[in-house]
C-alpha cells in the first residue's frame, strides 16, 4: 500500500467518523427537543389544573384564604420550573450546537486535506 492510498483511506475514515458524529448530535438534538416538549406539556397541564382550581376557589365565597395562597404559591413554582426547563434546554442546545460546529470545522479540514493531496 503506497503512502497516497494510506492517506486517502485515513482521511476517508476520519470523514466518516466526523459525519457519524454529526448524525449522532442531530439525533441528540431531536431527542432532547422531544423530551423538552414532553416536560413543557406536563408542566403546562399541571399549571392549567392549578389555575383552574384557584379560579374555582376564588369564585367560591367559602374558599379558604390559606388554600388559595397555597395554590398561588404552587402556580408560581410551576412558572419557575417552566423557566428553568427553558433555560436548561437553551444551554443544552448551545452545547450541542458548539460541538456540531467543531465537528464541521474538523470535517472541513479533512476535506481541505483531500483537495491539497490531490494537487500533490
N, C-alpha and C. Protein backbone atom coordinates (compact mmCIF):
# COMPACT_ATOMS: atom_id res chain seq x y z
N UNK A 1 0.86 -1.18 0.00
CA UNK A 1 0.00 0.00 0.00
C UNK A 1 0.90 1.23 0.00
N UNK A 2 0.68 2.12 -0.96
CA UNK A 2 1.53 3.30 -1.01
C UNK A 2 1.01 4.39 -0.07
N UNK A 3 1.82 5.40 0.10
CA UNK A 3 1.53 6.46 1.06
C UNK A 3 0.25 7.22 0.70
N UNK A 4 0.07 7.50 -0.59
CA UNK A 4 -1.12 8.24 -1.01
C UNK A 4 -2.40 7.47 -0.70
N UNK A 5 -2.39 6.18 -0.97
CA UNK A 5 -3.56 5.35 -0.70
C UNK A 5 -3.83 5.30 0.80
N UNK A 6 -2.76 5.20 1.58
CA UNK A 6 -2.91 5.17 3.03
C UNK A 6 -3.51 6.48 3.54
N UNK A 7 -2.99 7.61 3.04
CA UNK A 7 -3.52 8.91 3.45
C UNK A 7 -4.98 9.07 3.03
N UNK A 8 -5.29 8.64 1.84
CA UNK A 8 -6.66 8.75 1.35
C UNK A 8 -7.61 7.91 2.21
N UNK A 9 -7.18 6.71 2.54
CA UNK A 9 -8.00 5.84 3.38
C UNK A 9 -8.17 6.44 4.77
N UNK A 10 -7.10 6.98 5.30
CA UNK A 10 -7.14 7.60 6.62
C UNK A 10 -8.09 8.80 6.63
N UNK A 11 -8.02 9.62 5.59
CA UNK A 11 -8.90 10.78 5.51
C UNK A 11 -10.36 10.35 5.34
N UNK A 12 -10.57 9.31 4.56
CA UNK A 12 -11.93 8.80 4.38
C UNK A 12 -12.50 8.30 5.70
N UNK A 13 -11.69 7.60 6.47
CA UNK A 13 -12.14 7.11 7.78
C UNK A 13 -12.45 8.27 8.72
N UNK A 14 -11.59 9.28 8.68
CA UNK A 14 -11.81 10.46 9.53
C UNK A 14 -13.10 11.18 9.12
N UNK A 15 -13.31 11.33 7.83
CA UNK A 15 -14.52 11.97 7.32
C UNK A 15 -15.76 11.19 7.77
N UNK A 16 -15.70 9.86 7.63
CA UNK A 16 -16.83 9.03 8.02
C UNK A 16 -17.11 9.15 9.51
N UNK A 17 -16.04 9.15 10.31
CA UNK A 17 -16.20 9.28 11.76
C UNK A 17 -16.87 10.62 12.11
N UNK A 18 -16.43 11.68 11.46
CA UNK A 18 -17.00 13.00 11.73
C UNK A 18 -18.46 13.09 11.27
N UNK A 19 -18.77 12.51 10.14
CA UNK A 19 -20.15 12.52 9.66
C UNK A 19 -21.06 11.72 10.59
N UNK A 20 -20.56 10.61 11.11
CA UNK A 20 -21.33 9.83 12.08
C UNK A 20 -21.56 10.62 13.36
N UNK A 21 -20.54 11.36 13.76
CA UNK A 21 -20.66 12.19 14.96
C UNK A 21 -21.70 13.29 14.75
N UNK A 22 -21.70 13.89 13.56
CA UNK A 22 -22.71 14.90 13.24
C UNK A 22 -24.11 14.30 13.29
N UNK A 23 -24.25 13.11 12.78
CA UNK A 23 -25.55 12.44 12.80
C UNK A 23 -25.98 12.16 14.25
N UNK A 24 -25.03 11.74 15.07
CA UNK A 24 -25.33 11.47 16.48
C UNK A 24 -25.80 12.74 17.18
N UNK A 25 -25.14 13.85 16.92
CA UNK A 25 -25.52 15.12 17.54
C UNK A 25 -26.91 15.53 17.07
N UNK A 26 -27.18 15.36 15.78
CA UNK A 26 -28.51 15.67 15.27
C UNK A 26 -29.58 14.85 15.96
N UNK A 27 -29.30 13.57 16.17
CA UNK A 27 -30.26 12.70 16.86
C UNK A 27 -30.44 13.13 18.31
N UNK A 28 -29.34 13.54 18.95
CA UNK A 28 -29.44 14.02 20.33
C UNK A 28 -30.29 15.28 20.40
N UNK A 29 -30.07 16.19 19.45
CA UNK A 29 -30.87 17.41 19.43
C UNK A 29 -32.35 17.08 19.26
N UNK A 30 -32.66 16.17 18.36
CA UNK A 30 -34.06 15.78 18.14
C UNK A 30 -34.66 15.15 19.40
N UNK A 31 -33.93 14.24 20.02
CA UNK A 31 -34.44 13.56 21.22
C UNK A 31 -34.64 14.54 22.37
N UNK A 32 -33.68 15.43 22.53
CA UNK A 32 -33.80 16.40 23.61
C UNK A 32 -34.95 17.36 23.37
N UNK A 33 -35.19 17.67 22.11
CA UNK A 33 -36.35 18.51 21.79
C UNK A 33 -37.64 17.79 22.17
N UNK A 34 -37.72 16.49 21.89
CA UNK A 34 -38.89 15.69 22.26
C UNK A 34 -39.08 15.69 23.78
N UNK A 35 -37.99 15.46 24.51
CA UNK A 35 -38.06 15.44 25.97
C UNK A 35 -38.50 16.79 26.52
N UNK A 36 -37.96 17.84 25.93
CA UNK A 36 -38.32 19.19 26.36
C UNK A 36 -39.82 19.43 26.13
N UNK A 37 -40.30 19.06 24.96
CA UNK A 37 -41.72 19.25 24.66
C UNK A 37 -42.60 18.47 25.63
N UNK A 38 -42.20 17.25 25.97
CA UNK A 38 -42.96 16.45 26.93
C UNK A 38 -42.98 17.12 28.31
N UNK A 39 -41.82 17.60 28.74
CA UNK A 39 -41.74 18.25 30.05
C UNK A 39 -42.58 19.52 30.09
N UNK A 40 -42.48 20.31 29.04
CA UNK A 40 -43.25 21.56 28.98
C UNK A 40 -44.75 21.26 28.96
N UNK A 41 -45.14 20.27 28.19
CA UNK A 41 -46.55 19.90 28.11
C UNK A 41 -47.08 19.47 29.48
N UNK A 42 -46.30 18.67 30.18
CA UNK A 42 -46.71 18.21 31.51
C UNK A 42 -46.82 19.38 32.48
N UNK A 43 -45.83 20.27 32.45
CA UNK A 43 -45.86 21.42 33.35
C UNK A 43 -47.04 22.34 33.03
N UNK A 44 -47.28 22.56 31.76
CA UNK A 44 -48.40 23.43 31.38
C UNK A 44 -49.74 22.81 31.79
N UNK A 45 -49.84 21.49 31.68
CA UNK A 45 -51.07 20.81 32.10
C UNK A 45 -51.30 20.99 33.60
N UNK A 46 -50.25 20.79 34.38
CA UNK A 46 -50.37 20.99 35.83
C UNK A 46 -50.70 22.44 36.15
N UNK A 47 -50.06 23.34 35.45
CA UNK A 47 -50.30 24.76 35.66
C UNK A 47 -51.76 25.11 35.37
N UNK A 48 -52.29 24.57 34.29
CA UNK A 48 -53.70 24.81 33.96
C UNK A 48 -54.61 24.28 35.07
N UNK A 49 -54.31 23.08 35.56
CA UNK A 49 -55.14 22.49 36.60
C UNK A 49 -55.13 23.36 37.85
N UNK A 50 -53.94 23.79 38.28
CA UNK A 50 -53.85 24.62 39.48
C UNK A 50 -54.51 25.98 39.26
N UNK A 51 -54.37 26.53 38.08
CA UNK A 51 -55.02 27.82 37.78
C UNK A 51 -56.53 27.69 37.82
N UNK A 52 -57.03 26.61 37.23
CA UNK A 52 -58.48 26.37 37.28
C UNK A 52 -58.97 26.20 38.71
N UNK A 53 -58.21 25.45 39.48
CA UNK A 53 -58.58 25.21 40.88
C UNK A 53 -58.59 26.53 41.66
N UNK A 54 -57.58 27.37 41.41
CA UNK A 54 -57.52 28.67 42.08
C UNK A 54 -58.72 29.53 41.70
N UNK A 55 -59.07 29.51 40.43
CA UNK A 55 -60.22 30.29 39.98
C UNK A 55 -61.50 29.79 40.64
N UNK A 56 -61.64 28.47 40.77
CA UNK A 56 -62.81 27.91 41.43
C UNK A 56 -62.89 28.38 42.89
N UNK A 57 -61.75 28.33 43.56
CA UNK A 57 -61.73 28.78 44.96
C UNK A 57 -62.04 30.27 45.07
N UNK A 58 -61.51 31.01 44.14
CA UNK A 58 -61.73 32.45 44.16
C UNK A 58 -63.21 32.78 43.97
N UNK A 59 -63.87 32.00 43.11
CA UNK A 59 -65.29 32.23 42.84
C UNK A 59 -66.20 31.76 43.97
N UNK A 60 -65.69 30.89 44.81
CA UNK A 60 -66.48 30.40 45.94
C UNK A 60 -66.31 31.35 47.12
N UNK A 61 -67.39 31.74 47.70
CA UNK A 61 -67.29 32.62 48.87
C UNK A 61 -66.68 31.89 50.05
N UNK A 62 -66.87 30.57 50.05
CA UNK A 62 -66.37 29.81 51.19
C UNK A 62 -64.92 29.35 51.00
N UNK A 63 -64.30 29.76 49.87
CA UNK A 63 -62.91 29.35 49.63
C UNK A 63 -62.00 29.85 50.72
N UNK A 64 -61.18 28.99 51.20
CA UNK A 64 -60.30 29.35 52.30
C UNK A 64 -59.11 30.15 51.77
N UNK A 65 -58.79 31.21 52.48
CA UNK A 65 -57.68 32.07 52.08
C UNK A 65 -56.36 31.28 52.04
N UNK A 66 -56.14 30.45 53.03
CA UNK A 66 -54.90 29.67 53.09
C UNK A 66 -54.74 28.73 51.92
N UNK A 67 -55.84 28.12 51.51
CA UNK A 67 -55.78 27.19 50.38
C UNK A 67 -55.49 27.95 49.08
N UNK A 68 -56.10 29.13 48.95
CA UNK A 68 -55.83 29.95 47.76
C UNK A 68 -54.36 30.35 47.70
N UNK A 69 -53.80 30.71 48.84
CA UNK A 69 -52.40 31.10 48.88
C UNK A 69 -51.48 29.94 48.51
N UNK A 70 -51.82 28.75 48.99
CA UNK A 70 -51.04 27.57 48.64
C UNK A 70 -51.07 27.32 47.14
N UNK A 71 -52.26 27.48 46.55
CA UNK A 71 -52.38 27.29 45.11
C UNK A 71 -51.60 28.35 44.34
N UNK A 72 -51.66 29.58 44.81
CA UNK A 72 -50.88 30.64 44.16
C UNK A 72 -49.39 30.34 44.23
N UNK A 73 -48.95 29.87 45.38
CA UNK A 73 -47.53 29.50 45.53
C UNK A 73 -47.16 28.37 44.58
N UNK A 74 -48.05 27.39 44.49
CA UNK A 74 -47.79 26.24 43.61
C UNK A 74 -47.72 26.68 42.15
N UNK A 75 -48.61 27.58 41.77
CA UNK A 75 -48.59 28.11 40.40
C UNK A 75 -47.28 28.85 40.14
N UNK A 76 -46.84 29.64 41.09
CA UNK A 76 -45.57 30.35 40.95
C UNK A 76 -44.41 29.37 40.79
N UNK A 77 -44.47 28.26 41.53
CA UNK A 77 -43.43 27.24 41.41
C UNK A 77 -43.42 26.63 40.02
N UNK A 78 -44.60 26.38 39.46
CA UNK A 78 -44.66 25.80 38.11
C UNK A 78 -44.12 26.78 37.07
N UNK A 79 -44.44 28.06 37.23
CA UNK A 79 -43.88 29.05 36.30
C UNK A 79 -42.35 29.06 36.40
N UNK A 80 -41.83 28.98 37.60
CA UNK A 80 -40.38 28.95 37.78
C UNK A 80 -39.79 27.69 37.15
N UNK A 81 -40.47 26.57 37.33
CA UNK A 81 -39.99 25.32 36.74
C UNK A 81 -40.00 25.40 35.21
N UNK A 82 -41.01 26.04 34.65
CA UNK A 82 -41.04 26.24 33.20
C UNK A 82 -39.85 27.08 32.74
N UNK A 83 -39.54 28.14 33.48
CA UNK A 83 -38.39 28.98 33.13
C UNK A 83 -37.09 28.19 33.22
N UNK A 84 -36.96 27.38 34.29
CA UNK A 84 -35.75 26.56 34.43
C UNK A 84 -35.62 25.57 33.28
N UNK A 85 -36.73 24.94 32.92
CA UNK A 85 -36.72 23.97 31.82
C UNK A 85 -36.30 24.64 30.52
N UNK A 86 -36.81 25.82 30.27
CA UNK A 86 -36.43 26.54 29.05
C UNK A 86 -34.97 26.96 29.06
N UNK A 87 -34.47 27.41 30.21
CA UNK A 87 -33.05 27.77 30.30
C UNK A 87 -32.17 26.55 30.09
N UNK A 88 -32.56 25.45 30.70
CA UNK A 88 -31.80 24.21 30.57
C UNK A 88 -31.77 23.76 29.11
N UNK A 89 -32.91 23.84 28.46
CA UNK A 89 -32.98 23.46 27.05
C UNK A 89 -32.07 24.35 26.22
N UNK A 90 -32.08 25.64 26.47
CA UNK A 90 -31.25 26.57 25.71
C UNK A 90 -29.76 26.23 25.89
N UNK A 91 -29.34 26.01 27.14
CA UNK A 91 -27.93 25.68 27.39
C UNK A 91 -27.55 24.37 26.71
N UNK A 92 -28.41 23.38 26.82
CA UNK A 92 -28.15 22.07 26.22
C UNK A 92 -27.99 22.21 24.70
N UNK A 93 -28.90 22.95 24.08
CA UNK A 93 -28.81 23.16 22.62
C UNK A 93 -27.53 23.89 22.25
N UNK A 94 -27.16 24.89 23.05
CA UNK A 94 -25.95 25.64 22.75
C UNK A 94 -24.71 24.74 22.80
N UNK A 95 -24.66 23.87 23.79
CA UNK A 95 -23.52 22.96 23.91
C UNK A 95 -23.45 22.01 22.72
N UNK A 96 -24.58 21.45 22.33
CA UNK A 96 -24.60 20.53 21.19
C UNK A 96 -24.30 21.26 19.88
N UNK A 97 -24.81 22.46 19.73
CA UNK A 97 -24.53 23.24 18.52
C UNK A 97 -23.04 23.59 18.45
N UNK A 98 -22.43 23.90 19.59
CA UNK A 98 -21.00 24.17 19.61
C UNK A 98 -20.22 22.93 19.20
N UNK A 99 -20.62 21.78 19.72
CA UNK A 99 -19.97 20.52 19.35
C UNK A 99 -20.14 20.28 17.85
N UNK A 100 -21.32 20.57 17.33
CA UNK A 100 -21.56 20.40 15.89
C UNK A 100 -20.65 21.30 15.07
N UNK A 101 -20.52 22.56 15.49
CA UNK A 101 -19.65 23.49 14.76
C UNK A 101 -18.20 23.01 14.75
N UNK A 102 -17.74 22.49 15.88
CA UNK A 102 -16.37 21.98 15.95
C UNK A 102 -16.18 20.80 15.00
N UNK A 103 -17.15 19.91 14.94
CA UNK A 103 -17.05 18.76 14.04
C UNK A 103 -17.09 19.21 12.59
N UNK A 104 -17.93 20.19 12.29
CA UNK A 104 -17.97 20.71 10.92
C UNK A 104 -16.63 21.33 10.53
N UNK A 105 -15.99 22.02 11.47
CA UNK A 105 -14.66 22.58 11.19
C UNK A 105 -13.66 21.46 10.91
N UNK A 106 -13.69 20.42 11.73
CA UNK A 106 -12.79 19.29 11.52
C UNK A 106 -13.07 18.62 10.18
N UNK A 107 -14.33 18.46 9.84
CA UNK A 107 -14.70 17.86 8.57
C UNK A 107 -14.21 18.72 7.41
N UNK A 108 -14.33 20.01 7.56
CA UNK A 108 -13.83 20.94 6.54
C UNK A 108 -12.32 20.80 6.38
N UNK A 109 -11.61 20.65 7.49
CA UNK A 109 -10.16 20.46 7.43
C UNK A 109 -9.80 19.18 6.69
N UNK A 110 -10.53 18.11 6.96
CA UNK A 110 -10.27 16.84 6.27
C UNK A 110 -10.51 17.00 4.78
N UNK A 111 -11.58 17.70 4.42
CA UNK A 111 -11.87 17.91 3.00
C UNK A 111 -10.81 18.78 2.35
N UNK A 112 -10.31 19.78 3.06
CA UNK A 112 -9.23 20.61 2.53
C UNK A 112 -7.96 19.78 2.34
N UNK A 113 -7.70 18.87 3.27
CA UNK A 113 -6.55 17.98 3.13
C UNK A 113 -6.70 17.11 1.89
N UNK A 114 -7.94 16.67 1.60
CA UNK A 114 -8.20 15.89 0.39
C UNK A 114 -7.86 16.69 -0.85
N UNK A 115 -8.29 17.94 -0.87
CA UNK A 115 -8.04 18.80 -2.03
C UNK A 115 -6.54 19.02 -2.20
N UNK A 116 -5.86 19.29 -1.10
CA UNK A 116 -4.42 19.52 -1.17
C UNK A 116 -3.67 18.27 -1.62
N UNK A 117 -4.09 17.12 -1.14
CA UNK A 117 -3.40 15.89 -1.52
C UNK A 117 -3.61 15.56 -2.99
N UNK A 118 -4.73 16.01 -3.56
CA UNK A 118 -4.96 15.79 -4.99
C UNK A 118 -3.99 16.60 -5.83
N UNK A 119 -3.59 17.76 -5.35
CA UNK A 119 -2.66 18.60 -6.09
C UNK A 119 -1.23 18.10 -5.97
N UNK A 120 -0.94 17.34 -4.94
CA UNK A 120 0.43 16.86 -4.72
C UNK A 120 0.69 15.60 -5.42
